[in-house]
Amino acid sequence: MESGEILRRVYEARRRRLREMWETLKSNRAAYVSLYVVGFLVFIAIFGPFLTPYNPYDFDLSRARQPPSFAHPFGTDELGRDILSRILEGARYTIGISIASVLLGVVIGVILGLASGYLGGLWDTVIQRIVDVMLAFPTVLLAIALVASLGQGVASLIIAIAISTFPVYARLVRGVVLQVVNEDYIAAARLLGKSKIYIMFKHVLPNSISPIVVQATYYMGLSILLASALGFLGLGVPPPTPEWGAMIGSGRTYLFSSPHIVVFPGVFIMISALSFNLLGDGLRDALDPKARALLRRG
């Protein structure tokens, strides 16, 4: 068989798998809708500052705590700032911090998980004891302690959330590595004289991608909640930055007299966290060959 024919069949098989994944994801209505919601959230996180009808930082006490109206669809806050503008501006902080912290946590967790599972021995013992200690602490409390130590700011939030969540990825990747480390293709790579680093990242890591993607999607929702909780407690991005959790924290005094101040940021936090969780459910099924086989039979 010619090499061109082999490549053609490989590409066709790859396209077929991608099509099956997409069909499986589409069959999950909640996940399919969540995909578009997540796309919308990413869009406003990127372009939100250019879409704000008002300056999100300009305050005017004469229009403070106005209810939703045509001029201000989400109303104004306790300082007269347009809430819609602040939500659009704040999306890049809440969503951006969550994405950055998840990526950093994945990188740290994957490296430690690969080293722990493939190298074994002392590496495995030391890394897993560190992971065990960190998993013993509630994620929220660990993040609070880290932010209190690092101080306020975007970088501090990203580092704190990443450190609080990377043990989950490390444990996940280690489990996958232990499943594939004795496979024939790993033994063949060793016989060919490939280095441990090459084998870990060329052969072992690709088999861990699917569970990592699913777990990272789930943890996007958790990271949004963590970033918002820290902002609510005053440990997040310093004011007057319109981070969604900080908006709820500054407006909680007016919960009963002007509930719109906290309701709209809260709704966006809820929708964001829920959408990423539902999308994670859909990706779990789409990346599972057994689920795709069931869909074909159905």
Protein backbone atom coordinates (compact mmCIF):
# COMPACT_ATOMS: atom_id res chain seq x y z
CA MET A 1 0.00 0.00 0.00
CA GLU A 2 1.40 3.40 -0.98
CA SER A 3 2.26 5.95 1.70
CA GLY A 4 -0.24 8.41 0.22
CA GLU A 5 -3.05 5.90 0.60
CA ILE A 6 -2.03 5.22 4.20
CA LEU A 7 -2.06 8.94 5.02
CA ARG A 8 -5.45 9.33 3.35
CA ARG A 9 -6.92 6.56 5.48
CA VAL A 10 -5.38 8.03 8.62
CA TYR A 11 -6.88 11.44 7.87
CA GLU A 12 -10.26 9.89 7.10
CA ALA A 13 -10.23 7.97 10.38
CA ARG A 14 -9.31 11.15 12.23
CA ARG A 15 -12.11 13.11 10.58
CA ARG A 16 -14.54 10.30 11.36
CA ARG A 17 -13.58 10.35 15.05
CA LEU A 18 -13.97 14.13 15.20
CA ARG A 19 -17.37 13.89 13.52
CA GLU A 20 -18.45 11.22 16.00
CA MET A 21 -17.29 13.40 18.90
CA TRP A 22 -19.26 16.34 17.54
CA GLU A 23 -22.39 14.25 17.04
CA THR A 24 -22.09 12.88 20.58
CA LEU A 25 -21.74 16.38 21.96
CA LYS A 26 -24.72 17.60 19.94
CA SER A 27 -26.85 14.75 21.24
CA ASN A 28 -26.43 16.15 24.75
CA ARG A 29 -28.70 19.19 24.51
CA ALA A 30 -27.56 20.77 27.77
CA ALA A 31 -23.90 20.48 26.81
CA TYR A 32 -24.59 21.71 23.28
CA VAL A 33 -26.35 24.84 24.54
CA SER A 34 -23.63 25.33 27.16
CA LEU A 35 -21.02 25.32 24.40
CA TYR A 36 -22.62 28.41 22.88
CA VAL A 37 -23.02 30.04 26.29
CA VAL A 38 -19.33 29.46 26.98
CA GLY A 39 -18.52 30.91 23.57
CA PHE A 40 -20.59 33.99 24.43
CA LEU A 41 -18.81 34.36 27.78
CA VAL A 42 -15.41 34.16 26.10
CA PHE A 43 -16.59 36.71 23.55
CA ILE A 44 -17.61 39.26 26.18
CA ALA A 45 -14.42 38.54 28.12
CA ILE A 46 -12.44 39.58 25.03
CA PHE A 47 -14.63 42.30 23.55
CA GLY A 48 -16.71 43.35 26.57
CA PRO A 49 -14.71 46.53 27.26
CA PHE A 50 -15.51 47.71 23.71
CA LEU A 51 -19.25 47.03 24.11
CA THR A 52 -19.95 48.93 27.33
CA PRO A 53 -22.65 51.60 26.88
CA TYR A 54 -21.12 53.69 29.70
CA ASN A 55 -17.74 54.07 31.31
CA PRO A 56 -17.80 51.34 33.99
CA TYR A 57 -15.69 53.45 36.36
CA ASP A 58 -17.59 56.77 36.14
CA PHE A 59 -19.83 57.30 39.14
CA ASP A 60 -22.68 59.74 39.68
CA LEU A 61 -24.38 59.69 43.08
CA SER A 62 -27.43 61.44 41.63
CA ARG A 63 -28.35 58.24 39.78
CA ALA A 64 -27.28 55.79 42.50
CA ARG A 65 -29.25 52.54 42.92
CA GLN A 66 -31.60 53.17 40.03
CA PRO A 67 -33.66 50.08 39.09
CA PRO A 68 -33.37 48.53 35.61
CA SER A 69 -34.62 50.86 32.90
CA PHE A 70 -34.23 51.48 29.19
CA ALA A 71 -31.25 53.75 29.83
CA HIS A 72 -29.67 51.27 32.27
CA PRO A 73 -30.94 47.73 31.49
CA PHE A 74 -29.36 46.27 34.64
CA GLY A 75 -29.78 49.41 36.75
CA THR A 76 -27.04 51.29 38.57
CA ASP A 77 -25.05 50.41 41.66
CA GLU A 78 -24.60 52.24 44.96
CA LEU A 79 -22.30 54.79 43.31
CA GLY A 80 -24.43 55.33 40.22
CA ARG A 81 -22.27 53.21 37.91
CA ASP A 82 -23.97 51.31 35.12
CA ILE A 83 -24.14 47.64 36.16
CA LEU A 84 -24.32 46.29 32.59
CA SER A 85 -21.12 48.15 31.70
CA ARG A 86 -19.40 46.85 34.81
CA ILE A 87 -20.44 43.26 34.09
CA LEU A 88 -19.13 43.48 30.54
CA GLU A 89 -15.88 45.04 31.78
CA GLY A 90 -15.61 42.57 34.66
CA ALA A 91 -15.98 39.51 32.43
CA ARG A 92 -12.37 39.76 31.33
CA TYR A 93 -11.28 39.62 34.98
CA THR A 94 -13.54 36.82 36.22
CA ILE A 95 -13.33 34.67 33.07
CA GLY A 96 -9.73 35.64 32.31
CA ILE A 97 -8.52 34.80 35.82
CA SER A 98 -10.33 31.45 35.67
CA ILE A 99 -8.86 30.48 32.29
CA ALA A 100 -5.34 31.53 33.28
CA SER A 101 -5.50 29.73 36.64
CA VAL A 102 -6.82 26.52 35.04
CA LEU A 103 -4.07 26.57 32.40
CA LEU A 104 -1.38 27.14 35.03
CA GLY A 105 -2.84 24.42 37.25
CA VAL A 106 -2.96 21.99 34.32
CA VAL A 107 0.68 22.66 33.40
CA ILE A 108 1.91 22.13 36.97
CA GLY A 109 -0.32 19.11 37.54
CA VAL A 110 0.57 17.41 34.24
CA ILE A 111 4.32 17.78 34.80
CA LEU A 112 4.14 16.45 38.35
CA GLY A 113 1.70 13.68 37.39
CA LEU A 114 3.92 12.50 34.54
CA ALA A 115 7.01 12.51 36.75
CA SER A 116 5.19 10.73 39.56
CA GLY A 117 3.63 8.00 37.43
CA TYR A 118 6.44 7.33 34.96
CA LEU A 119 9.58 7.85 37.04
CA GLY A 120 8.14 6.22 40.17
CA GLY A 121 10.32 5.51 43.17
CA LEU A 122 11.34 8.50 45.25
CA TRP A 123 9.77 10.91 42.74
CA ASP A 124 6.40 9.22 43.13
CA THR A 125 6.61 9.12 46.92
CA VAL A 126 7.56 12.78 47.37
CA ILE A 127 5.09 14.16 44.81
CA GLN A 128 2.18 12.09 46.08
CA ARG A 129 2.81 13.04 49.71
CA ILE A 130 2.75 16.72 48.69
CA VAL A 131 -0.47 16.09 46.75
CA ASP A 132 -2.01 14.27 49.73
CA VAL A 133 -1.21 17.16 52.07
CA MET A 134 -2.70 19.74 49.70
CA LEU A 135 -5.81 17.67 49.05
CA ALA A 136 -6.37 17.45 52.80
CA PHE A 137 -7.21 21.16 52.86
CA PRO A 138 -10.52 22.47 51.48
CA THR A 139 -9.85 24.21 48.18
CA VAL A 140 -11.51 27.47 49.23
CA LEU A 141 -9.59 27.70 52.50
CA LEU A 142 -6.30 26.95 50.75
CA ALA A 143 -6.99 29.63 48.14
CA ILE A 144 -7.87 32.16 50.85
CA ALA A 145 -4.65 31.40 52.73
CA LEU A 146 -2.55 31.75 49.56
CA VAL A 147 -4.17 35.05 48.52
CA ALA A 148 -3.75 36.41 52.05
CA SER A 149 -0.05 35.56 51.79
CA LEU A 150 0.49 36.81 48.24
CA GLY A 151 -1.65 39.95 48.50
CA GLN A 152 -4.38 41.32 46.25
CA GLY A 153 -4.08 41.43 42.49
CA VAL A 154 -4.78 39.46 39.33
CA ALA A 155 -1.47 37.57 39.45
CA SER A 156 -2.01 36.58 43.08
CA LEU A 157 -5.49 35.23 42.29
CA ILE A 158 -4.23 33.20 39.34
CA ILE A 159 -1.37 31.69 41.35
CA ALA A 160 -3.55 30.96 44.39
CA ILE A 161 -6.29 29.22 42.40
CA ALA A 162 -3.76 27.27 40.31
CA ILE A 163 -1.88 26.01 43.37
CA SER A 164 -5.17 25.09 45.04
CA THR A 165 -6.31 22.95 42.10
CA PHE A 166 -3.20 21.42 40.52
CA PRO A 167 -3.14 18.37 42.89
CA VAL A 168 -6.29 17.07 41.17
CA TYR A 169 -4.59 17.10 37.76
CA ALA A 170 -1.44 15.54 39.20
CA ARG A 171 -3.41 12.65 40.69
CA LEU A 172 -5.47 12.24 37.50
CA VAL A 173 -2.43 12.15 35.18
CA ARG A 174 -0.57 9.75 37.46
CA GLY A 175 -3.49 7.32 37.28
CA VAL A 176 -3.54 7.44 33.48
CA VAL A 177 0.26 7.01 33.29
CA LEU A 178 0.13 3.91 35.47
CA GLN A 179 -2.40 2.42 33.04
CA VAL A 180 -0.27 2.94 29.90
CA VAL A 181 3.29 2.72 31.22
CA ASN A 182 3.51 -1.04 30.53
CA GLU A 183 1.97 -0.94 27.06
CA ASP A 184 3.90 -2.40 24.14
CA TYR A 185 4.50 0.93 22.41
CA ILE A 186 6.15 2.28 25.58
CA ALA A 187 8.42 -0.77 25.71
CA ALA A 188 9.23 -0.30 22.01
CA ALA A 189 10.17 3.34 22.60
CA ARG A 190 12.50 2.26 25.40
CA LEU A 191 14.15 -0.34 23.18
CA LEU A 192 14.71 2.34 20.55
CA GLY A 193 16.69 4.28 23.14
CA LYS A 194 14.25 7.16 23.54
CA SER A 195 14.76 9.32 26.62
CA LYS A 196 12.31 9.34 29.53
CA ILE A 197 11.34 12.95 28.78
CA TYR A 198 10.64 12.05 25.15
CA ILE A 199 8.50 9.04 26.11
CA MET A 200 6.55 10.98 28.74
CA PHE A 201 5.61 13.86 26.47
CA LYS A 202 5.47 12.03 23.11
CA HIS A 203 3.75 8.78 24.06
CA VAL A 204 2.33 8.98 27.57
CA LEU A 205 0.90 12.51 27.62
CA PRO A 206 -1.30 12.12 24.49
CA ASN A 207 -3.16 9.30 26.26
CA SER A 208 -3.96 11.69 29.13
CA ILE A 209 -5.37 14.52 27.03
CA SER A 210 -9.04 13.46 27.11
CA PRO A 211 -9.42 13.22 30.91
CA ILE A 212 -7.37 16.40 31.36
CA VAL A 213 -9.66 18.36 29.00
CA VAL A 214 -12.77 17.10 30.80
CA GLN A 215 -11.35 17.84 34.25
CA ALA A 216 -10.14 21.30 33.19
CA THR A 217 -13.62 22.14 31.87
CA TYR A 218 -15.17 21.14 35.19
CA TYR A 219 -12.59 23.17 37.07
CA MET A 220 -13.28 26.24 34.97
CA GLY A 221 -16.61 26.44 36.80
CA LEU A 222 -14.89 25.92 40.14
CA SER A 223 -12.29 28.57 39.32
CA ILE A 224 -15.02 31.09 38.49
CA LEU A 225 -16.65 30.39 41.85
CA LEU A 226 -13.29 30.64 43.65
CA ALA A 227 -12.37 33.92 41.98
CA SER A 228 -15.81 35.33 42.76
CA ALA A 229 -15.72 34.12 46.36
CA LEU A 230 -12.32 35.72 46.93
CA GLY A 231 -13.57 38.93 45.34
CA PHE A 232 -16.66 38.86 47.54
CA LEU A 233 -14.44 38.56 50.64
CA GLY A 234 -12.33 41.50 49.52
CA LEU A 235 -9.30 39.32 48.72
CA GLY A 236 -9.60 39.52 44.95
CA VAL A 237 -8.87 42.26 42.47
CA PRO A 238 -8.79 45.60 44.33
CA PRO A 239 -11.58 48.16 43.73
CA PRO A 240 -12.83 49.84 41.64
CA THR A 241 -12.14 46.95 39.26
CA PRO A 242 -15.55 45.47 38.36
CA GLU A 243 -14.89 41.79 39.10
CA TRP A 244 -18.21 39.97 39.47
CA GLY A 245 -17.61 38.65 42.99
CA ALA A 246 -16.38 42.05 44.17
CA MET A 247 -19.52 43.65 42.70
CA ILE A 248 -21.67 41.36 44.84
CA GLY A 249 -19.52 42.06 47.88
CA SER A 250 -19.78 45.84 47.53
CA GLY A 251 -23.53 45.72 46.90
CA ARG A 252 -24.60 43.18 49.53
CA THR A 253 -25.60 45.97 51.91
CA TYR A 254 -28.41 46.87 49.51
CA LEU A 255 -29.62 43.30 48.95
CA PHE A 256 -33.18 44.03 50.12
CA SER A 257 -33.55 47.67 49.09
CA SER A 258 -31.86 47.38 45.66
CA PRO A 259 -31.49 43.66 44.89
CA HIS A 260 -30.57 44.25 41.24
CA ILE A 261 -27.09 45.36 42.37
CA VAL A 262 -26.21 41.80 43.41
CA VAL A 263 -28.69 39.76 41.36
CA PHE A 264 -27.24 40.47 37.91
CA PRO A 265 -23.58 39.74 38.75
CA GLY A 266 -24.77 36.66 40.64
CA VAL A 267 -26.75 35.44 37.64
CA PHE A 268 -23.68 35.74 35.40
CA ILE A 269 -21.56 33.83 37.92
CA MET A 270 -24.19 31.09 38.18
CA ILE A 271 -24.64 30.79 34.41
CA SER A 272 -20.88 30.68 33.85
CA ALA A 273 -20.19 27.98 36.43
CA LEU A 274 -23.21 25.91 35.33
CA SER A 275 -22.33 26.14 31.64
CA PHE A 276 -18.77 24.92 32.14
CA ASN A 277 -19.99 22.03 34.28
CA LEU A 278 -22.60 20.96 31.72
CA LEU A 279 -20.06 21.32 28.93
CA GLY A 280 -17.70 19.10 30.92
CA ASP A 281 -20.40 16.42 31.07
CA GLY A 282 -20.82 16.59 27.30
CA LEU A 283 -17.08 16.45 26.64
CA ARG A 284 -16.74 13.45 28.95
CA ASP A 285 -19.21 11.54 26.77
CA ALA A 286 -17.85 12.88 23.47
CA LEU A 287 -14.28 11.86 24.28
CA ASP A 288 -15.32 8.41 25.51
CA PRO A 289 -15.20 5.80 22.70
CA LYS A 290 -17.81 3.66 24.48
CA ALA A 291 -20.30 6.55 24.56
CA ARG A 292 -19.70 7.21 20.86
CA ALA A 293 -20.27 3.53 20.07
CA LEU A 294 -23.58 3.62 21.96
CA LEU A 295 -24.62 6.68 19.94
CA ARG A 296 -23.86 4.86 16.66
CA ARG A 297 -25.91 1.85 17.72
CA GLY A 298 -28.74 4.14 18.82
